[in-house]
Amino acid sequence: MKLQGDMVLVFKTSIRYKKDIIKIKKAFAAAKDLIISFDLEDCDKIMRTEGNYYNAKEIIEKIEALGYYCEELE
């Protein structure tokens, strides 16, 4: 269920494959209210998050620790 006031963040990434998406979703599994979606067709390999569990800096650090590039888009 989407809670009103959820923070929506959008990131440019280097994520390219479905296996990468699975790896990333497992890394964020503890945040049950966090919704993560991807647009791998976009040239920026967009990752979108909805929720209040992590801020942008924490998400970037976690993605980069997994070996991927991640930059917040304004």
N, C-alpha and C. Protein backbone atom coordinates (compact mmCIF):
# COMPACT_ATOMS: atom_id res chain seq x y z
N MET A 1 0.85 -1.18 0.00
CA MET A 1 0.00 0.00 0.00
C MET A 1 0.89 1.24 0.00
N LYS A 2 0.60 2.18 -0.86
CA LYS A 2 1.37 3.43 -0.94
C LYS A 2 0.88 4.38 0.13
N LEU A 3 1.82 4.87 0.91
CA LEU A 3 1.49 5.83 1.96
C LEU A 3 1.57 7.24 1.40
N GLN A 4 0.66 8.08 1.83
CA GLN A 4 0.70 9.47 1.38
C GLN A 4 1.96 10.12 1.94
N GLY A 5 2.65 10.88 1.13
CA GLY A 5 3.85 11.55 1.57
C GLY A 5 5.12 10.76 1.35
N ASP A 6 5.02 9.61 0.66
CA ASP A 6 6.22 8.84 0.35
C ASP A 6 7.17 9.70 -0.49
N MET A 7 8.45 9.58 -0.18
CA MET A 7 9.48 10.30 -0.91
C MET A 7 9.76 9.53 -2.21
N VAL A 8 9.73 10.24 -3.34
CA VAL A 8 10.04 9.64 -4.63
C VAL A 8 11.40 10.17 -5.08
N LEU A 9 12.32 9.25 -5.34
CA LEU A 9 13.66 9.61 -5.79
C LEU A 9 13.93 8.93 -7.12
N VAL A 10 14.67 9.63 -7.99
CA VAL A 10 14.98 9.10 -9.32
C VAL A 10 16.50 9.16 -9.50
N PHE A 11 17.05 8.06 -10.02
CA PHE A 11 18.50 7.93 -10.15
C PHE A 11 18.90 7.49 -11.55
N LYS A 12 20.04 8.00 -12.00
CA LYS A 12 20.72 7.51 -13.20
C LYS A 12 21.67 6.41 -12.71
N THR A 13 21.66 5.25 -13.38
CA THR A 13 22.49 4.14 -12.90
C THR A 13 23.23 3.47 -14.06
N SER A 14 24.04 2.49 -13.69
CA SER A 14 24.72 1.65 -14.69
C SER A 14 24.10 0.25 -14.72
N ILE A 15 22.94 0.10 -14.12
CA ILE A 15 22.25 -1.19 -14.05
C ILE A 15 21.76 -1.55 -15.45
N ARG A 16 22.08 -2.78 -15.90
CA ARG A 16 21.76 -3.13 -17.28
C ARG A 16 20.90 -4.37 -17.44
N TYR A 17 20.95 -5.27 -16.46
CA TYR A 17 20.32 -6.57 -16.65
C TYR A 17 19.34 -6.91 -15.53
N LYS A 18 18.43 -7.84 -15.82
CA LYS A 18 17.46 -8.27 -14.81
C LYS A 18 18.15 -8.90 -13.61
N LYS A 19 19.28 -9.59 -13.83
CA LYS A 19 20.02 -10.18 -12.71
C LYS A 19 20.53 -9.08 -11.76
N ASP A 20 20.85 -7.92 -12.32
CA ASP A 20 21.28 -6.79 -11.49
C ASP A 20 20.11 -6.27 -10.65
N ILE A 21 18.94 -6.22 -11.25
CA ILE A 21 17.74 -5.76 -10.54
C ILE A 21 17.46 -6.68 -9.36
N ILE A 22 17.56 -7.97 -9.57
CA ILE A 22 17.33 -8.94 -8.49
C ILE A 22 18.32 -8.71 -7.35
N LYS A 23 19.58 -8.53 -7.69
CA LYS A 23 20.63 -8.29 -6.70
C LYS A 23 20.33 -7.03 -5.88
N ILE A 24 19.90 -5.98 -6.55
CA ILE A 24 19.61 -4.72 -5.88
C ILE A 24 18.37 -4.84 -5.00
N LYS A 25 17.34 -5.46 -5.49
CA LYS A 25 16.12 -5.62 -4.68
C LYS A 25 16.39 -6.45 -3.44
N LYS A 26 17.26 -7.45 -3.53
CA LYS A 26 17.64 -8.25 -2.35
C LYS A 26 18.36 -7.37 -1.33
N ALA A 27 19.20 -6.47 -1.80
CA ALA A 27 19.96 -5.59 -0.91
C ALA A 27 19.05 -4.65 -0.13
N PHE A 28 17.88 -4.34 -0.69
CA PHE A 28 16.94 -3.43 -0.04
C PHE A 28 15.74 -4.18 0.56
N ALA A 29 15.83 -5.48 0.67
CA ALA A 29 14.70 -6.30 1.13
C ALA A 29 14.22 -5.94 2.54
N ALA A 30 15.09 -5.44 3.38
CA ALA A 30 14.70 -5.10 4.75
C ALA A 30 13.67 -3.96 4.79
N ALA A 31 13.67 -3.12 3.78
CA ALA A 31 12.74 -1.99 3.71
C ALA A 31 11.47 -2.44 3.00
N LYS A 32 10.55 -3.03 3.73
CA LYS A 32 9.33 -3.59 3.15
C LYS A 32 8.46 -2.54 2.45
N ASP A 33 8.51 -1.29 2.92
CA ASP A 33 7.66 -0.25 2.32
C ASP A 33 8.34 0.46 1.15
N LEU A 34 9.56 0.06 0.80
CA LEU A 34 10.27 0.71 -0.30
C LEU A 34 9.91 0.04 -1.62
N ILE A 35 9.42 0.84 -2.56
CA ILE A 35 9.08 0.34 -3.89
C ILE A 35 10.19 0.80 -4.83
N ILE A 36 10.80 -0.15 -5.55
CA ILE A 36 11.88 0.15 -6.49
C ILE A 36 11.44 -0.30 -7.88
N SER A 37 11.57 0.61 -8.85
CA SER A 37 11.26 0.26 -10.24
C SER A 37 12.40 0.74 -11.13
N PHE A 38 12.51 0.12 -12.29
CA PHE A 38 13.60 0.41 -13.22
C PHE A 38 13.07 0.66 -14.62
N ASP A 39 13.78 1.51 -15.37
CA ASP A 39 13.53 1.69 -16.79
C ASP A 39 14.87 1.48 -17.49
N LEU A 40 15.15 0.23 -17.83
CA LEU A 40 16.43 -0.09 -18.46
C LEU A 40 16.46 0.27 -19.94
N GLU A 41 15.30 0.62 -20.49
CA GLU A 41 15.23 1.05 -21.89
C GLU A 41 15.73 2.49 -22.03
N ASP A 42 15.63 3.27 -20.97
CA ASP A 42 16.10 4.66 -20.98
C ASP A 42 17.63 4.67 -21.05
N CYS A 43 18.19 5.64 -21.73
CA CYS A 43 19.65 5.73 -21.87
C CYS A 43 20.35 5.92 -20.53
N ASP A 44 19.64 6.46 -19.54
CA ASP A 44 20.22 6.68 -18.21
C ASP A 44 19.97 5.52 -17.25
N LYS A 45 19.35 4.43 -17.74
CA LYS A 45 19.08 3.24 -16.91
C LYS A 45 18.46 3.67 -15.57
N ILE A 46 17.29 4.27 -15.65
CA ILE A 46 16.62 4.91 -14.53
C ILE A 46 16.18 3.92 -13.45
N MET A 47 16.46 4.28 -12.20
CA MET A 47 15.93 3.57 -11.04
C MET A 47 15.09 4.58 -10.25
N ARG A 48 13.88 4.18 -9.91
CA ARG A 48 12.96 5.05 -9.18
C ARG A 48 12.61 4.37 -7.86
N THR A 49 12.67 5.12 -6.77
CA THR A 49 12.30 4.57 -5.47
C THR A 49 11.17 5.38 -4.87
N GLU A 50 10.28 4.70 -4.16
CA GLU A 50 9.19 5.34 -3.42
C GLU A 50 9.21 4.80 -2.00
N GLY A 51 9.26 5.68 -1.04
CA GLY A 51 9.26 5.27 0.35
C GLY A 51 10.05 6.25 1.19
N ASN A 52 10.04 6.02 2.48
CA ASN A 52 10.72 6.93 3.41
C ASN A 52 11.80 6.25 4.23
N TYR A 53 12.16 5.02 3.87
CA TYR A 53 13.11 4.24 4.65
C TYR A 53 14.55 4.72 4.45
N TYR A 54 14.90 5.07 3.22
CA TYR A 54 16.26 5.52 2.88
C TYR A 54 16.22 6.91 2.26
N ASN A 55 17.28 7.70 2.50
CA ASN A 55 17.42 8.96 1.77
C ASN A 55 18.30 8.72 0.55
N ALA A 56 18.44 9.72 -0.30
CA ALA A 56 19.18 9.56 -1.56
C ALA A 56 20.62 9.14 -1.33
N LYS A 57 21.28 9.74 -0.37
CA LYS A 57 22.69 9.43 -0.09
C LYS A 57 22.84 7.96 0.31
N GLU A 58 21.96 7.46 1.14
CA GLU A 58 22.02 6.06 1.58
C GLU A 58 21.80 5.10 0.42
N ILE A 59 20.87 5.45 -0.46
CA ILE A 59 20.60 4.60 -1.63
C ILE A 59 21.81 4.57 -2.54
N ILE A 60 22.39 5.73 -2.82
CA ILE A 60 23.57 5.81 -3.68
C ILE A 60 24.71 4.98 -3.10
N GLU A 61 24.97 5.13 -1.80
CA GLU A 61 26.05 4.37 -1.15
C GLU A 61 25.82 2.87 -1.27
N LYS A 62 24.57 2.45 -1.07
CA LYS A 62 24.26 1.02 -1.13
C LYS A 62 24.42 0.47 -2.55
N ILE A 63 23.97 1.21 -3.55
CA ILE A 63 24.10 0.79 -4.94
C ILE A 63 25.57 0.75 -5.35
N GLU A 64 26.32 1.76 -4.97
CA GLU A 64 27.75 1.81 -5.32
C GLU A 64 28.52 0.69 -4.61
N ALA A 65 28.12 0.33 -3.40
CA ALA A 65 28.77 -0.78 -2.68
C ALA A 65 28.55 -2.10 -3.42
N LEU A 66 27.48 -2.19 -4.19
CA LEU A 66 27.20 -3.39 -4.99
C LEU A 66 27.96 -3.38 -6.32
N GLY A 67 28.65 -2.27 -6.61
CA GLY A 67 29.48 -2.19 -7.82
C GLY A 67 28.84 -1.47 -8.99
N TYR A 68 27.78 -0.71 -8.75
CA TYR A 68 27.09 0.00 -9.83
C TYR A 68 27.26 1.51 -9.65
N TYR A 69 27.16 2.23 -10.76
CA TYR A 69 27.13 3.69 -10.73
C TYR A 69 25.72 4.13 -10.37
N CYS A 70 25.60 5.18 -9.55
CA CYS A 70 24.29 5.69 -9.17
C CYS A 70 24.41 7.18 -8.87
N GLU A 71 23.54 7.98 -9.52
CA GLU A 71 23.53 9.43 -9.33
C GLU A 71 22.08 9.90 -9.27
N GLU A 72 21.77 10.71 -8.27
CA GLU A 72 20.40 11.22 -8.15
C GLU A 72 20.14 12.24 -9.26
N LEU A 73 18.96 12.15 -9.87
CA LEU A 73 18.54 13.14 -10.86
C LEU A 73 17.62 14.15 -10.18
N GLU A 74 17.80 15.39 -10.51
CA GLU A 74 17.00 16.46 -9.90
C GLU A 74 15.70 16.64 -10.64
